[in-house]
Amino acid sequence: MAGRLPPSLAEIERLAAAAFATLPREVRDVCAGLAIRVEDFADEEMLADLGIEDPFELTGLYDGIALTERSVMAQPSRPDVVWLFRRAILDEWVERGDVALDRLVAHVLVHEIAHHLGWSDDDIRRIDDWTQ
């Protein structure tokens, strides 16, 4: 692996798209219009809003209004977005050493989609406790 470049933004996007394609059709259907974006790191404003100083601590973020909190009368001002942060994901991947990159990308993606569906971190942890 010496001399090999780390996976690019485009490669993480490809892994996320492949993971999204494996989700049940019902989930993909309710995610219509949900944007999936990959950046190296969360921007300063995102980090400040979350009270996070180290950008390596944030692998993904759901930015929007959960489906369970929407009003039929409210008009969205911008699309909901699932953000995946490549450098933080790669850092966790290397640090863990026990999980395939495609599986880690899928996990982060599904975690953020769960927030789009209205699940809390505790709800998600009951089904997928990635901390173990």
C-alpha atoms as a PDB file:
ATOM      1  CA  MET A   1       0.000   0.000   0.000  1.00  0.00           C
ATOM      2  CA  ALA A   2       3.067   2.241   0.154  1.00  0.00           C
ATOM      3  CA  GLY A   3       2.830   5.116  -2.284  1.00  0.00           C
ATOM      4  CA  ARG A   4      -0.928   4.744  -2.690  1.00  0.00           C
ATOM      5  CA  LEU A   5      -2.967   7.928  -2.412  1.00  0.00           C
ATOM      6  CA  PRO A   6      -5.840   8.049   0.091  1.00  0.00           C
ATOM      7  CA  PRO A   7      -9.337   7.702  -1.350  1.00  0.00           C
ATOM      8  CA  SER A   8     -10.468  10.924  -3.015  1.00  0.00           C
ATOM      9  CA  LEU A   9     -13.661  12.891  -2.507  1.00  0.00           C
ATOM     10  CA  ALA A  10     -14.990  11.217  -5.669  1.00  0.00           C
ATOM     11  CA  GLU A  11     -14.213   7.755  -4.273  1.00  0.00           C
ATOM     12  CA  ILE A  12     -16.045   8.499  -1.009  1.00  0.00           C
ATOM     13  CA  GLU A  13     -18.967   9.835  -3.082  1.00  0.00           C
ATOM     14  CA  ARG A  14     -18.971   6.575  -5.058  1.00  0.00           C
ATOM     15  CA  LEU A  15     -18.963   4.511  -1.847  1.00  0.00           C
ATOM     16  CA  ALA A  16     -21.826   6.620  -0.449  1.00  0.00           C
ATOM     17  CA  ALA A  17     -23.849   6.222  -3.655  1.00  0.00           C
ATOM     18  CA  ALA A  18     -23.290   2.456  -3.594  1.00  0.00           C
ATOM     19  CA  ALA A  19     -24.380   2.291   0.070  1.00  0.00           C
ATOM     20  CA  PHE A  20     -27.461   4.402  -0.649  1.00  0.00           C
ATOM     21  CA  ALA A  21     -28.401   2.078  -3.527  1.00  0.00           C
ATOM     22  CA  THR A  22     -28.500  -0.892  -1.119  1.00  0.00           C
ATOM     23  CA  LEU A  23     -31.016   0.752   1.229  1.00  0.00           C
ATOM     24  CA  PRO A  24     -34.597  -0.523   1.098  1.00  0.00           C
ATOM     25  CA  ARG A  25     -36.703   1.167  -1.576  1.00  0.00           C
ATOM     26  CA  GLU A  26     -38.996   2.695   1.092  1.00  0.00           C
ATOM     27  CA  VAL A  27     -36.041   4.472   2.663  1.00  0.00           C
ATOM     28  CA  ARG A  28     -34.696   5.663  -0.685  1.00  0.00           C
ATOM     29  CA  ASP A  29     -38.172   6.909  -1.605  1.00  0.00           C
ATOM     30  CA  VAL A  30     -38.549   9.037   1.537  1.00  0.00           C
ATOM     31  CA  CYS A  31     -35.059  10.403   0.905  1.00  0.00           C
ATOM     32  CA  ALA A  32     -36.055  11.811  -2.479  1.00  0.00           C
ATOM     33  CA  GLY A  33     -34.599  15.292  -2.635  1.00  0.00           C
ATOM     34  CA  LEU A  34     -32.047  14.613   0.109  1.00  0.00           C
ATOM     35  CA  ALA A  35     -28.620  15.763  -1.084  1.00  0.00           C
ATOM     36  CA  ILE A  36     -25.538  13.770  -0.163  1.00  0.00           C
ATOM     37  CA  ARG A  37     -22.379  15.886  -0.146  1.00  0.00           C
ATOM     38  CA  VAL A  38     -18.797  14.913   0.560  1.00  0.00           C
ATOM     39  CA  GLU A  39     -16.216  17.446   1.725  1.00  0.00           C
ATOM     40  CA  ASP A  40     -12.841  17.030   3.354  1.00  0.00           C
ATOM     41  CA  PHE A  41     -13.989  18.645   6.621  1.00  0.00           C
ATOM     42  CA  ALA A  42     -17.008  20.367   8.125  1.00  0.00           C
ATOM     43  CA  ASP A  43     -16.780  24.118   7.725  1.00  0.00           C
ATOM     44  CA  GLU A  44     -16.050  26.450  10.640  1.00  0.00           C
ATOM     45  CA  GLU A  45     -19.707  27.441  11.040  1.00  0.00           C
ATOM     46  CA  MET A  46     -20.879  23.819  11.324  1.00  0.00           C
ATOM     47  CA  LEU A  47     -18.188  23.038  13.871  1.00  0.00           C
ATOM     48  CA  ALA A  48     -18.973  26.167  15.897  1.00  0.00           C
ATOM     49  CA  ASP A  49     -22.726  25.407  15.876  1.00  0.00           C
ATOM     50  CA  LEU A  50     -21.984  21.949  17.277  1.00  0.00           C
ATOM     51  CA  GLY A  51     -19.349  23.147  19.746  1.00  0.00           C
ATOM     52  CA  ILE A  52     -16.686  20.988  18.099  1.00  0.00           C
ATOM     53  CA  GLU A  53     -13.130  22.296  17.913  1.00  0.00           C
ATOM     54  CA  ASP A  54     -11.401  19.376  16.162  1.00  0.00           C
ATOM     55  CA  PRO A  55     -12.789  18.766  12.647  1.00  0.00           C
ATOM     56  CA  PHE A  56     -11.558  15.157  12.832  1.00  0.00           C
ATOM     57  CA  GLU A  57     -14.293  14.516  15.426  1.00  0.00           C
ATOM     58  CA  LEU A  58     -17.124  14.936  12.904  1.00  0.00           C
ATOM     59  CA  THR A  59     -17.492  12.218  10.252  1.00  0.00           C
ATOM     60  CA  GLY A  60     -20.991  13.170   9.127  1.00  0.00           C
ATOM     61  CA  LEU A  61     -23.845  15.583   9.695  1.00  0.00           C
ATOM     62  CA  TYR A  62     -27.513  15.809   8.790  1.00  0.00           C
ATOM     63  CA  ASP A  63     -28.445  19.399   7.981  1.00  0.00           C
ATOM     64  CA  GLY A  64     -32.175  19.863   7.620  1.00  0.00           C
ATOM     65  CA  ILE A  65     -35.543  19.345   9.231  1.00  0.00           C
ATOM     66  CA  ALA A  66     -36.317  15.755  10.149  1.00  0.00           C
ATOM     67  CA  LEU A  67     -39.341  14.275   8.404  1.00  0.00           C
ATOM     68  CA  THR A  68     -41.033  13.823  11.790  1.00  0.00           C
ATOM     69  CA  GLU A  69     -40.765  17.561  12.526  1.00  0.00           C
ATOM     70  CA  ARG A  70     -42.035  18.955   9.244  1.00  0.00           C
ATOM     71  CA  SER A  71     -45.233  20.868   8.754  1.00  0.00           C
ATOM     72  CA  VAL A  72     -47.209  20.534   5.535  1.00  0.00           C
ATOM     73  CA  MET A  73     -47.571  24.323   5.607  1.00  0.00           C
ATOM     74  CA  ALA A  74     -43.853  25.063   5.860  1.00  0.00           C
ATOM     75  CA  GLN A  75     -41.948  25.619   2.648  1.00  0.00           C
ATOM     76  CA  PRO A  76     -38.326  24.464   2.783  1.00  0.00           C
ATOM     77  CA  SER A  77     -35.824  27.254   2.268  1.00  0.00           C
ATOM     78  CA  ARG A  78     -33.048  24.894   1.181  1.00  0.00           C
ATOM     79  CA  PRO A  79     -32.598  21.187   0.522  1.00  0.00           C
ATOM     80  CA  ASP A  80     -31.812  18.794   3.344  1.00  0.00           C
ATOM     81  CA  VAL A  81     -28.230  17.564   3.157  1.00  0.00           C
ATOM     82  CA  VAL A  82     -26.296  14.622   4.510  1.00  0.00           C
ATOM     83  CA  TRP A  83     -22.679  15.688   4.801  1.00  0.00           C
ATOM     84  CA  LEU A  84     -19.881  13.126   4.853  1.00  0.00           C
ATOM     85  CA  PHE A  85     -16.461  14.393   5.866  1.00  0.00           C
ATOM     86  CA  ARG A  86     -13.754  12.465   4.047  1.00  0.00           C
ATOM     87  CA  ARG A  87     -10.733  13.298   6.195  1.00  0.00           C
ATOM     88  CA  ALA A  88     -12.521  12.480   9.464  1.00  0.00           C
ATOM     89  CA  ILE A  89     -13.870   9.240   7.968  1.00  0.00           C
ATOM     90  CA  LEU A  90     -10.406   8.240   6.730  1.00  0.00           C
ATOM     91  CA  ASP A  91      -8.902   9.088  10.107  1.00  0.00           C
ATOM     92  CA  GLU A  92     -11.441   6.864  11.898  1.00  0.00           C
ATOM     93  CA  TRP A  93     -10.917   4.106   9.317  1.00  0.00           C
ATOM     94  CA  VAL A  94      -7.149   4.080   9.879  1.00  0.00           C
ATOM     95  CA  GLU A  95      -7.499   4.448  13.651  1.00  0.00           C
ATOM     96  CA  ARG A  96      -9.953   1.541  13.923  1.00  0.00           C
ATOM     97  CA  GLY A  97      -8.157  -0.750  11.518  1.00  0.00           C
ATOM     98  CA  ASP A  98     -10.950  -3.314  11.864  1.00  0.00           C
ATOM     99  CA  VAL A  99     -13.568  -2.107   9.399  1.00  0.00           C
ATOM    100  CA  ALA A 100     -13.644  -1.821   5.620  1.00  0.00           C
ATOM    101  CA  LEU A 101     -13.878   1.708   4.268  1.00  0.00           C
ATOM    102  CA  ASP A 102     -17.079   0.987   2.341  1.00  0.00           C
ATOM    103  CA  ARG A 103     -18.699  -0.295   5.532  1.00  0.00           C
ATOM    104  CA  LEU A 104     -17.638   2.781   7.506  1.00  0.00           C
ATOM    105  CA  VAL A 105     -18.938   5.147   4.805  1.00  0.00           C
ATOM    106  CA  ALA A 106     -22.218   3.207   4.749  1.00  0.00           C
ATOM    107  CA  HIS A 107     -22.476   3.412   8.534  1.00  0.00           C
ATOM    108  CA  VAL A 108     -21.965   7.188   8.598  1.00  0.00           C
ATOM    109  CA  LEU A 109     -24.429   7.645   5.728  1.00  0.00           C
ATOM    110  CA  VAL A 110     -27.118   5.492   7.363  1.00  0.00           C
ATOM    111  CA  HIS A 111     -26.614   7.249  10.713  1.00  0.00           C
ATOM    112  CA  GLU A 112     -27.219  10.647   9.107  1.00  0.00           C
ATOM    113  CA  ILE A 113     -30.183   9.373   7.061  1.00  0.00           C
ATOM    114  CA  ALA A 114     -31.664   8.094  10.337  1.00  0.00           C
ATOM    115  CA  HIS A 115     -31.573  11.694  11.611  1.00  0.00           C
ATOM    116  CA  HIS A 116     -33.412  12.738   8.423  1.00  0.00           C
ATOM    117  CA  LEU A 117     -36.062  10.145   9.346  1.00  0.00           C
ATOM    118  CA  GLY A 118     -36.339  11.688  12.822  1.00  0.00           C
ATOM    119  CA  TRP A 119     -34.304   9.206  14.856  1.00  0.00           C
ATOM    120  CA  SER A 120     -32.220  10.425  17.792  1.00  0.00           C
ATOM    121  CA  ASP A 121     -28.658   9.267  18.480  1.00  0.00           C
ATOM    122  CA  ASP A 122     -30.054   7.060  21.272  1.00  0.00           C
ATOM    123  CA  ASP A 123     -32.582   5.471  18.854  1.00  0.00           C
ATOM    124  CA  ILE A 124     -29.784   4.757  16.389  1.00  0.00           C
ATOM    125  CA  ARG A 125     -27.450   3.401  19.081  1.00  0.00           C
ATOM    126  CA  ARG A 126     -30.113   0.883  20.199  1.00  0.00           C
ATOM    127  CA  ILE A 127     -30.064  -0.616  16.698  1.00  0.00           C
ATOM    128  CA  ASP A 128     -26.455  -0.003  15.685  1.00  0.00           C
ATOM    129  CA  ASP A 129     -24.092   0.652  18.575  1.00  0.00           C
ATOM    130  CA  TRP A 130     -20.993   1.471  16.593  1.00  0.00           C
ATOM    131  CA  THR A 131     -19.165   2.459  19.794  1.00  0.00           C
ATOM    132  CA  GLN A 132     -18.779  -1.200  20.822  1.00  0.00           C
END
